[in-house]
Amino acid sequence: MPTAYRYFLYFLFSCNAIAPSALAAGLWDDKLHFNGFYTLDASVTSSDLALLSNAGLGREFAKNEASLDNSLVGGQLEYLLSENFSAYLQGKLFLNADGDLDNKVDWAYLSADLGNDVSARIGQFLIPIMHGVEMRNVGYSRLWARPLVPLSGAGGYSDFQGFDIISRFQTNSGFWMFQVSGGQAEHDLPIIDNDGLALLALQYSHDEFWVRTAVLKTTYSISTPTGAVITDAGRAVMGSIEIEYTPGDFIINAGFSTADADITPNDNLYYLSLGVNIAETTPYILATHRNQHFDSFDPPRPQRPPPGQQPPPEQQPPQDRPGDSPGAVAPPPDGDIDIYELAVGIRWDLDEQYAIKFQVDYIDLTNDAGQAVLAEDSKSGFAATLIFEGVF
């Protein structure tokens, strides 16, 4: 086990042991509130597969090799500036793709209570295109072993900097929440520059039922790695609708999200889950399908140096070497990538702060978009995950 990871685990469990005692002893100022969360994740796969972690990483697992690398620990700080103003900060520690200890701030914002159940926030947020996105790093808040939202968030965007206004109100028929957000996001690909985004979300709750819908529009520009502009007027429209229904001891979740984009892939996600509460345990079954559709486009031709300044053939890219077609470039992806997943699991709530989860997944991936996106045309296999997680 790497030294950094050993220290990571020590930190995880020492926080879990020390923080409640510190709070009980009154070591925190009355204006400062701390909440922590952690996930200890042990996973193994029957073939070379990528699994999505609570940290938002798609990590490659080697065949029959167990790993704890999807574990994490994080915390949220809230400081009460006054009766109506607060400052929030939430971040996490995790292992990155290279196996090194890394960190990321997910929330960093100021919040104002405007009265009449209206609040305004300004700062950095996770994009709430789907229910639970803002809490997707907190595994304890979710029934399943892993988050539903892809590692790239909403069409490649995970967080944004800007403003957020939330209004909550109650009627005779139920409880309503309306949310409007705007700002600028950072895409997970450096060749995409976001020009801005706007989001509207509406949620209705009544007794054992809630439904939520959201729509997001964003504009952006895309360049090649060498700086040639592919488009400076790209746009994407995304939407989602989700429900949860809890009749008696049953828990039913279903959802759909879609993204229609220029140049970048169109994205559709479907999920359906059924669980049942039996004492402190909740066995469940979850089915998901994600489709990414790539449309071919004409990429800009690379600019060549002036005559007499050509590098020697062995230093030229393949399309510029003698004998290759002048100005040829690798074709962009064209086609679909489909990922189907069927999971069976159980959650055991030890108390109000700790839970154990065990989940077995069958994952099937097909790729006809070309090797510009994925090297494999298809792959499939099983994954088994045992998780101990909680909040403090």
Protein backbone atom coordinates (compact mmCIF):
# COMPACT_ATOMS: atom_id res chain seq x y z
CA MET A 1 0.00 0.00 0.00
CA PRO A 2 1.49 3.42 -0.96
CA THR A 3 2.63 5.57 1.95
CA ALA A 4 0.31 8.45 0.93
CA TYR A 5 -2.66 6.11 0.85
CA ARG A 6 -1.80 4.69 4.28
CA TYR A 7 -1.77 8.23 5.70
CA PHE A 8 -5.05 8.86 3.90
CA LEU A 9 -6.72 5.94 5.67
CA TYR A 10 -5.24 6.99 9.00
CA PHE A 11 -6.66 10.45 8.49
CA LEU A 12 -10.07 9.08 7.52
CA PHE A 13 -10.52 7.05 10.68
CA SER A 14 -8.90 9.59 13.01
CA CYS A 15 -11.35 12.23 11.76
CA ASN A 16 -14.21 9.84 12.38
CA ALA A 17 -12.98 9.19 15.91
CA ILE A 18 -11.90 12.69 16.94
CA ALA A 19 -14.47 15.04 15.37
CA PRO A 20 -17.51 13.94 17.43
CA SER A 21 -15.51 14.25 20.64
CA ALA A 22 -14.27 17.70 19.69
CA LEU A 23 -17.80 18.87 18.96
CA ALA A 24 -19.11 17.42 22.21
CA ALA A 25 -16.35 19.15 24.15
CA GLY A 26 -17.40 22.50 22.70
CA LEU A 27 -14.10 23.11 20.92
CA TRP A 28 -15.84 24.72 17.94
CA ASP A 29 -17.13 28.25 17.96
CA ASP A 30 -20.94 28.53 17.99
CA LYS A 31 -20.73 30.20 14.59
CA LEU A 32 -18.64 27.44 13.00
CA HIS A 33 -20.22 24.10 12.05
CA PHE A 34 -18.39 21.10 10.64
CA ASN A 35 -19.77 17.97 8.99
CA GLY A 36 -17.57 15.19 7.65
CA PHE A 37 -18.15 12.22 5.37
CA TYR A 38 -16.12 9.24 4.21
CA THR A 39 -16.29 6.14 2.03
CA LEU A 40 -14.05 3.10 2.39
CA ASP A 41 -14.54 1.26 -0.91
CA ALA A 42 -13.14 -2.19 -1.71
CA SER A 43 -13.84 -3.21 -5.33
CA VAL A 44 -12.79 -6.02 -7.65
CA THR A 45 -13.71 -6.72 -11.29
CA SER A 46 -13.78 -9.90 -13.38
CA SER A 47 -12.21 -8.11 -16.37
CA ASP A 48 -10.55 -4.79 -17.17
CA LEU A 49 -13.34 -2.31 -16.39
CA ALA A 50 -13.75 1.33 -15.39
CA LEU A 51 -15.84 2.11 -12.30
CA LEU A 52 -17.16 5.50 -11.26
CA SER A 53 -16.09 6.53 -7.76
CA ASN A 54 -17.70 8.87 -5.24
CA ALA A 55 -14.82 11.26 -5.96
CA GLY A 56 -16.07 11.61 -9.55
CA LEU A 57 -13.27 9.63 -11.19
CA GLY A 58 -13.64 6.88 -13.76
CA ARG A 59 -10.96 4.50 -12.53
CA GLU A 60 -9.65 1.54 -14.51
CA PHE A 61 -9.63 -1.73 -12.58
CA ALA A 62 -7.42 -4.60 -13.70
CA LYS A 63 -8.92 -8.09 -13.94
CA ASN A 64 -9.27 -9.86 -10.55
CA GLU A 65 -7.27 -7.15 -8.75
CA ALA A 66 -8.94 -5.82 -5.60
CA SER A 67 -8.43 -2.15 -4.81
CA LEU A 68 -9.31 0.43 -2.16
CA ASP A 69 -8.50 3.33 -4.50
CA ASN A 70 -12.11 4.53 -4.77
CA SER A 71 -12.16 5.52 -1.09
CA LEU A 72 -12.37 9.14 0.02
CA VAL A 73 -12.84 11.45 2.99
CA GLY A 74 -14.28 14.97 2.96
CA GLY A 75 -15.88 17.67 5.01
CA GLN A 76 -18.11 20.74 4.93
CA LEU A 77 -17.57 23.93 6.91
CA GLU A 78 -20.28 26.51 7.51
CA TYR A 79 -19.50 29.83 9.17
CA LEU A 80 -22.37 32.06 10.29
CA LEU A 81 -21.35 35.59 9.38
CA SER A 82 -24.61 37.02 10.73
CA GLU A 83 -28.21 36.01 11.21
CA ASN A 84 -28.84 36.05 7.45
CA PHE A 85 -25.40 35.43 5.90
CA SER A 86 -23.24 32.29 5.88
CA ALA A 87 -20.06 31.05 4.18
CA TYR A 88 -19.74 27.42 3.02
CA LEU A 89 -16.79 25.31 1.97
CA GLN A 90 -16.85 21.63 1.02
CA GLY A 91 -13.99 19.53 -0.28
CA LYS A 92 -12.56 16.04 -0.33
CA LEU A 93 -9.33 14.03 -0.23
CA PHE A 94 -9.00 11.11 -2.63
CA LEU A 95 -6.54 9.17 -4.77
CA ASN A 96 -6.18 10.46 -8.33
CA ALA A 97 -5.67 8.39 -11.48
CA ASP A 98 -1.94 8.13 -10.73
CA GLY A 99 -2.57 6.79 -7.22
CA ASP A 100 -1.40 10.00 -5.52
CA LEU A 101 -3.29 11.74 -2.74
CA ASP A 102 -5.25 14.65 -4.22
CA ASN A 103 -7.90 17.15 -3.13
CA LYS A 104 -10.72 19.15 -4.69
CA VAL A 105 -13.05 21.90 -3.49
CA ASP A 106 -16.63 21.24 -4.65
CA TRP A 107 -18.45 24.09 -2.89
CA ALA A 108 -17.15 27.53 -1.95
CA TYR A 109 -19.89 30.11 -1.69
CA LEU A 110 -21.59 32.84 0.32
CA SER A 111 -25.28 32.42 1.12
CA ALA A 112 -27.86 35.06 2.01
CA ASP A 113 -31.31 34.45 3.49
CA LEU A 114 -33.54 36.95 1.69
CA GLY A 115 -36.66 36.10 3.68
CA ASN A 116 -39.90 34.42 2.63
CA ASP A 117 -37.99 31.13 2.14
CA VAL A 118 -35.79 32.63 -0.60
CA SER A 119 -32.01 32.26 -0.49
CA ALA A 120 -29.26 33.53 -2.80
CA ARG A 121 -25.77 32.10 -3.18
CA ILE A 122 -22.66 33.23 -5.04
CA GLY A 123 -19.47 31.23 -5.55
CA GLN A 124 -18.60 27.74 -6.83
CA PHE A 125 -21.13 24.90 -7.06
CA LEU A 126 -21.61 21.45 -8.52
CA ILE A 127 -24.03 21.71 -11.46
CA PRO A 128 -27.44 20.44 -10.21
CA ILE A 129 -28.66 19.00 -13.52
CA MET A 130 -29.91 15.93 -11.62
CA HIS A 131 -31.22 15.31 -8.11
CA GLY A 132 -28.48 14.63 -5.61
CA VAL A 133 -25.61 16.01 -7.72
CA GLU A 134 -24.55 18.40 -4.98
CA MET A 135 -24.26 15.43 -2.60
CA ARG A 136 -22.82 12.88 -5.00
CA ASN A 137 -19.49 12.76 -3.12
CA VAL A 138 -21.37 11.86 0.08
CA GLY A 139 -22.04 8.17 -0.50
CA TYR A 140 -24.01 7.81 2.75
CA SER A 141 -26.75 10.03 1.28
CA ARG A 142 -27.41 7.55 -1.53
CA LEU A 143 -28.92 4.04 -1.57
CA TRP A 144 -26.50 2.66 -4.18
CA ALA A 145 -22.76 2.02 -4.03
CA ARG A 146 -21.84 4.60 -6.69
CA PRO A 147 -23.26 7.88 -8.03
CA LEU A 148 -25.53 7.81 -11.07
CA VAL A 149 -24.21 10.99 -12.65
CA PRO A 150 -21.30 10.30 -15.02
CA LEU A 151 -17.83 11.40 -13.96
CA SER A 152 -17.99 14.25 -16.47
CA GLY A 153 -21.09 15.68 -14.79
CA ALA A 154 -23.49 17.38 -17.21
CA GLY A 155 -22.21 17.00 -20.76
CA GLY A 156 -18.61 17.30 -19.61
CA TYR A 157 -19.28 20.05 -17.05
CA SER A 158 -19.04 19.21 -13.36
CA ASP A 159 -19.01 22.55 -11.52
CA PHE A 160 -19.48 26.23 -12.22
CA GLN A 161 -18.78 29.66 -10.75
CA GLY A 162 -21.68 32.06 -10.54
CA PHE A 163 -24.93 32.62 -8.68
CA ASP A 164 -27.81 30.51 -7.50
CA ILE A 165 -31.27 31.56 -6.22
CA ILE A 166 -33.61 29.07 -4.53
CA SER A 167 -37.22 29.67 -3.55
CA ARG A 168 -39.18 27.21 -1.41
CA PHE A 169 -42.89 27.45 -0.74
CA GLN A 170 -45.74 25.26 0.40
CA THR A 171 -49.26 24.99 -0.99
CA ASN A 172 -52.25 22.89 -0.01
CA SER A 173 -51.13 20.24 -2.49
CA GLY A 174 -47.49 19.94 -1.45
CA PHE A 175 -44.04 21.48 -1.17
CA TRP A 176 -42.32 23.28 -4.10
CA MET A 177 -38.72 24.26 -4.80
CA PHE A 178 -37.68 26.56 -7.66
CA GLN A 179 -34.03 27.12 -8.54
CA VAL A 180 -32.31 29.39 -11.05
CA SER A 181 -28.55 29.39 -11.61
CA GLY A 182 -26.13 31.14 -13.94
CA GLY A 183 -22.41 31.58 -14.44
CA GLN A 184 -19.43 30.03 -16.15
CA ALA A 185 -18.28 26.42 -16.07
CA GLU A 186 -15.02 24.65 -16.76
CA HIS A 187 -15.15 21.67 -19.11
CA ASP A 188 -13.15 18.55 -18.29
CA LEU A 189 -11.48 18.87 -21.72
CA PRO A 190 -8.98 21.79 -21.99
CA ILE A 191 -9.86 22.35 -25.67
CA ILE A 192 -13.38 23.53 -24.70
CA ASP A 193 -13.87 27.05 -23.32
CA ASN A 194 -17.23 27.74 -21.73
CA ASP A 195 -18.86 31.10 -22.43
CA GLY A 196 -21.64 30.74 -19.86
CA LEU A 197 -24.53 28.62 -18.66
CA ALA A 198 -28.03 29.06 -17.27
CA LEU A 199 -30.12 26.48 -15.36
CA LEU A 200 -33.72 26.26 -14.20
CA ALA A 201 -34.96 23.50 -11.87
CA LEU A 202 -38.34 22.73 -10.29
CA GLN A 203 -39.16 20.11 -7.67
CA TYR A 204 -42.50 19.10 -6.20
CA SER A 205 -42.84 16.93 -3.08
CA HIS A 206 -45.90 15.44 -1.43
CA ASP A 207 -45.85 12.86 1.35
CA GLU A 208 -44.16 9.77 -0.14
CA PHE A 209 -43.51 11.19 -3.60
CA TRP A 210 -41.30 13.77 -5.29
CA VAL A 211 -40.62 14.72 -8.91
CA ARG A 212 -37.85 17.01 -10.17
CA THR A 213 -37.06 18.46 -13.58
CA ALA A 214 -34.24 20.70 -14.75
CA VAL A 215 -33.10 22.32 -17.99
CA LEU A 216 -29.68 23.81 -18.73
CA LYS A 217 -28.32 25.78 -21.68
CA THR A 218 -24.65 26.54 -22.25
CA THR A 219 -22.47 28.06 -24.99
CA TYR A 220 -18.81 27.35 -25.69
CA SER A 221 -15.96 27.34 -28.18
CA ILE A 222 -13.87 24.33 -29.22
CA SER A 223 -10.33 24.24 -30.58
CA THR A 224 -7.92 21.52 -31.60
CA PRO A 225 -4.96 20.76 -29.31
CA THR A 226 -2.84 22.93 -31.64
CA GLY A 227 -5.20 25.91 -31.26
CA ALA A 228 -7.15 25.75 -34.52
CA VAL A 229 -10.77 26.79 -33.92
CA ILE A 230 -13.38 24.11 -34.63
CA THR A 231 -16.29 26.33 -33.58
CA ASP A 232 -16.68 29.50 -31.55
CA ALA A 233 -20.47 29.25 -31.37
CA GLY A 234 -21.13 25.82 -29.88
CA ARG A 235 -24.21 25.32 -27.76
CA ALA A 236 -25.72 22.53 -25.68
CA VAL A 237 -29.18 22.10 -24.17
CA MET A 238 -29.60 19.55 -21.39
CA GLY A 239 -32.61 18.38 -19.44
CA SER A 240 -33.64 15.85 -16.83
CA ILE A 241 -36.69 14.48 -15.07
CA GLU A 242 -36.64 12.17 -12.04
CA ILE A 243 -39.07 10.72 -9.54
CA GLU A 244 -38.98 8.93 -6.21
CA TYR A 245 -41.97 7.07 -4.79
CA THR A 246 -41.92 5.35 -1.40
CA PRO A 247 -45.18 3.40 -0.90
CA GLY A 248 -44.93 1.52 2.36
CA ASP A 249 -41.53 -0.15 2.66
CA PHE A 250 -40.72 0.14 -1.05
CA ILE A 251 -38.41 2.71 -2.67
CA ILE A 252 -38.85 3.35 -6.41
CA ASN A 253 -36.48 5.67 -8.29
CA ALA A 254 -36.52 6.46 -11.99
CA GLY A 255 -34.90 9.13 -14.11
CA PHE A 256 -33.88 10.34 -17.54
CA SER A 257 -31.39 12.99 -18.63
CA THR A 258 -30.47 14.16 -22.11
CA ALA A 259 -28.00 16.53 -23.75
CA ASP A 260 -28.17 17.87 -27.32
CA ALA A 261 -24.84 19.46 -28.20
CA ASP A 262 -22.80 20.84 -31.09
CA ILE A 263 -19.57 18.95 -31.90
CA THR A 264 -19.41 17.35 -28.44
CA PRO A 265 -21.45 14.13 -28.06
CA ASN A 266 -25.16 13.98 -27.38
CA ASP A 267 -25.75 12.17 -24.11
CA ASN A 268 -28.71 10.19 -22.74
CA LEU A 269 -28.94 8.50 -19.34
CA TYR A 270 -31.78 6.28 -18.09
CA TYR A 271 -32.10 4.59 -14.71
CA LEU A 272 -34.67 2.57 -12.76
CA SER A 273 -34.28 1.25 -9.22
CA LEU A 274 -36.44 -0.76 -6.81
CA GLY A 275 -35.61 -1.26 -3.13
CA VAL A 276 -37.44 -2.51 -0.07
CA ASN A 277 -36.83 -1.67 3.59
CA ILE A 278 -36.50 -4.77 5.78
CA ALA A 279 -35.63 -3.70 9.32
CA GLU A 280 -32.22 -1.98 9.08
CA THR A 281 -31.44 -3.38 5.61
CA THR A 282 -32.52 -2.31 2.12
CA PRO A 283 -31.94 -4.80 -0.71
CA TYR A 284 -32.24 -3.19 -4.15
CA ILE A 285 -31.87 -3.68 -7.88
CA LEU A 286 -30.69 -0.92 -10.23
CA ALA A 287 -30.62 -0.77 -14.04
CA THR A 288 -28.92 2.04 -15.99
CA HIS A 289 -28.20 2.78 -19.63
CA ARG A 290 -25.99 5.58 -20.89
CA ASN A 291 -25.66 6.45 -24.58
CA GLN A 292 -23.22 8.89 -26.12
CA HIS A 293 -23.78 9.73 -29.78
CA PHE A 294 -20.98 11.35 -31.80
CA ASP A 295 -21.72 13.16 -35.07
CA SER A 296 -18.89 13.46 -37.55
CA PHE A 297 -17.67 16.93 -38.49
CA ASP A 298 -14.98 18.46 -40.70
CA PRO A 299 -12.01 19.31 -38.48
CA PRO A 300 -9.80 22.26 -39.43
CA ARG A 301 -6.68 21.36 -41.35
CA PRO A 302 -3.42 21.81 -39.48
CA GLN A 303 -1.37 24.85 -40.41
CA ARG A 304 1.92 24.01 -42.06
CA PRO A 305 5.14 25.95 -41.52
CA PRO A 306 6.48 28.10 -44.36
CA PRO A 307 8.59 26.39 -47.05
CA GLY A 308 12.08 25.64 -45.88
CA GLN A 309 11.04 25.37 -42.22
CA GLN A 310 9.68 21.83 -42.30
CA PRO A 311 11.08 19.56 -39.56
CA PRO A 312 12.73 16.31 -40.68
CA PRO A 313 10.24 13.53 -41.62
CA GLU A 314 10.76 11.56 -38.41
CA GLN A 315 9.60 14.59 -36.39
CA GLN A 316 6.52 15.31 -38.50
CA PRO A 317 3.05 14.05 -37.59
CA PRO A 318 1.97 11.12 -39.79
CA GLN A 319 -0.35 13.18 -41.98
CA ASP A 320 2.50 15.56 -42.95
CA ARG A 321 5.16 12.97 -43.81
CA PRO A 322 6.14 12.48 -47.45
CA GLY A 323 3.69 10.13 -49.14
CA ASP A 324 0.73 11.01 -46.88
CA SER A 325 -2.28 12.94 -48.12
CA PRO A 326 -1.62 16.69 -47.82
CA GLY A 327 -3.39 18.18 -44.83
CA ALA A 328 -4.97 14.86 -43.77
CA VAL A 329 -6.06 14.58 -40.15
CA ALA A 330 -7.35 11.73 -38.05
CA PRO A 331 -11.12 11.38 -38.52
CA PRO A 332 -13.28 12.55 -35.60
CA PRO A 333 -15.44 10.01 -33.76
CA ASP A 334 -18.68 9.06 -35.47
CA GLY A 335 -21.24 6.69 -33.90
CA ASP A 336 -22.41 5.54 -30.48
CA ILE A 337 -21.01 4.35 -27.18
CA ASP A 338 -23.50 2.43 -25.02
CA ILE A 339 -22.98 1.35 -21.42
CA TYR A 340 -25.54 -0.97 -19.84
CA GLU A 341 -25.35 -1.77 -16.16
CA LEU A 342 -27.42 -4.06 -13.96
CA ALA A 343 -26.69 -3.98 -10.22
CA VAL A 344 -28.00 -5.96 -7.26
CA GLY A 345 -27.08 -4.82 -3.78
CA ILE A 346 -27.97 -4.35 -0.15
CA ARG A 347 -27.54 -1.47 2.27
CA TRP A 348 -27.33 -2.10 6.01
CA ASP A 349 -27.77 0.97 8.21
CA LEU A 350 -25.82 0.34 11.40
CA ASP A 351 -27.18 3.56 12.93
CA GLU A 352 -27.94 7.12 11.84
CA GLN A 353 -24.30 7.79 10.88
CA TYR A 354 -22.86 4.55 9.46
CA ALA A 355 -23.82 2.13 6.72
CA ILE A 356 -22.43 -0.93 4.97
CA LYS A 357 -23.20 -1.61 1.30
CA PHE A 358 -22.51 -4.61 -0.90
CA GLN A 359 -23.20 -4.38 -4.63
CA VAL A 360 -22.58 -6.66 -7.61
CA ASP A 361 -22.73 -5.13 -11.10
CA TYR A 362 -22.77 -6.54 -14.60
CA ILE A 363 -21.42 -3.92 -17.02
CA ASP A 364 -21.57 -4.16 -20.81
CA LEU A 365 -19.95 -1.56 -23.10
CA THR A 366 -20.18 -1.35 -26.87
CA ASN A 367 -18.33 1.20 -28.99
CA ASP A 368 -18.92 1.89 -32.67
CA ALA A 369 -17.74 5.51 -32.49
CA GLY A 370 -14.16 4.58 -33.37
CA GLN A 371 -10.88 4.33 -31.52
CA ALA A 372 -10.57 8.12 -31.28
CA VAL A 373 -12.75 7.76 -28.16
CA LEU A 374 -12.08 4.25 -26.85
CA ALA A 375 -9.55 1.65 -27.91
CA GLU A 376 -11.96 -1.26 -27.44
CA ASP A 377 -14.99 -2.06 -29.58
CA SER A 378 -16.65 -3.82 -26.65
CA LYS A 379 -15.98 -5.13 -23.18
CA SER A 380 -18.05 -6.53 -20.35
CA GLY A 381 -17.66 -8.06 -16.93
CA PHE A 382 -18.73 -8.17 -13.30
CA ALA A 383 -17.77 -5.87 -10.45
CA ALA A 384 -18.18 -6.51 -6.73
CA THR A 385 -17.99 -3.66 -4.22
CA LEU A 386 -18.02 -3.66 -0.41
CA ILE A 387 -18.38 -0.23 1.20
CA PHE A 388 -18.25 1.14 4.72
CA GLU A 389 -19.28 4.80 4.81
CA GLY A 390 -20.83 7.41 6.99
CA VAL A 391 -21.05 10.99 8.19
CA PHE A 392 -19.80 12.67 11.34
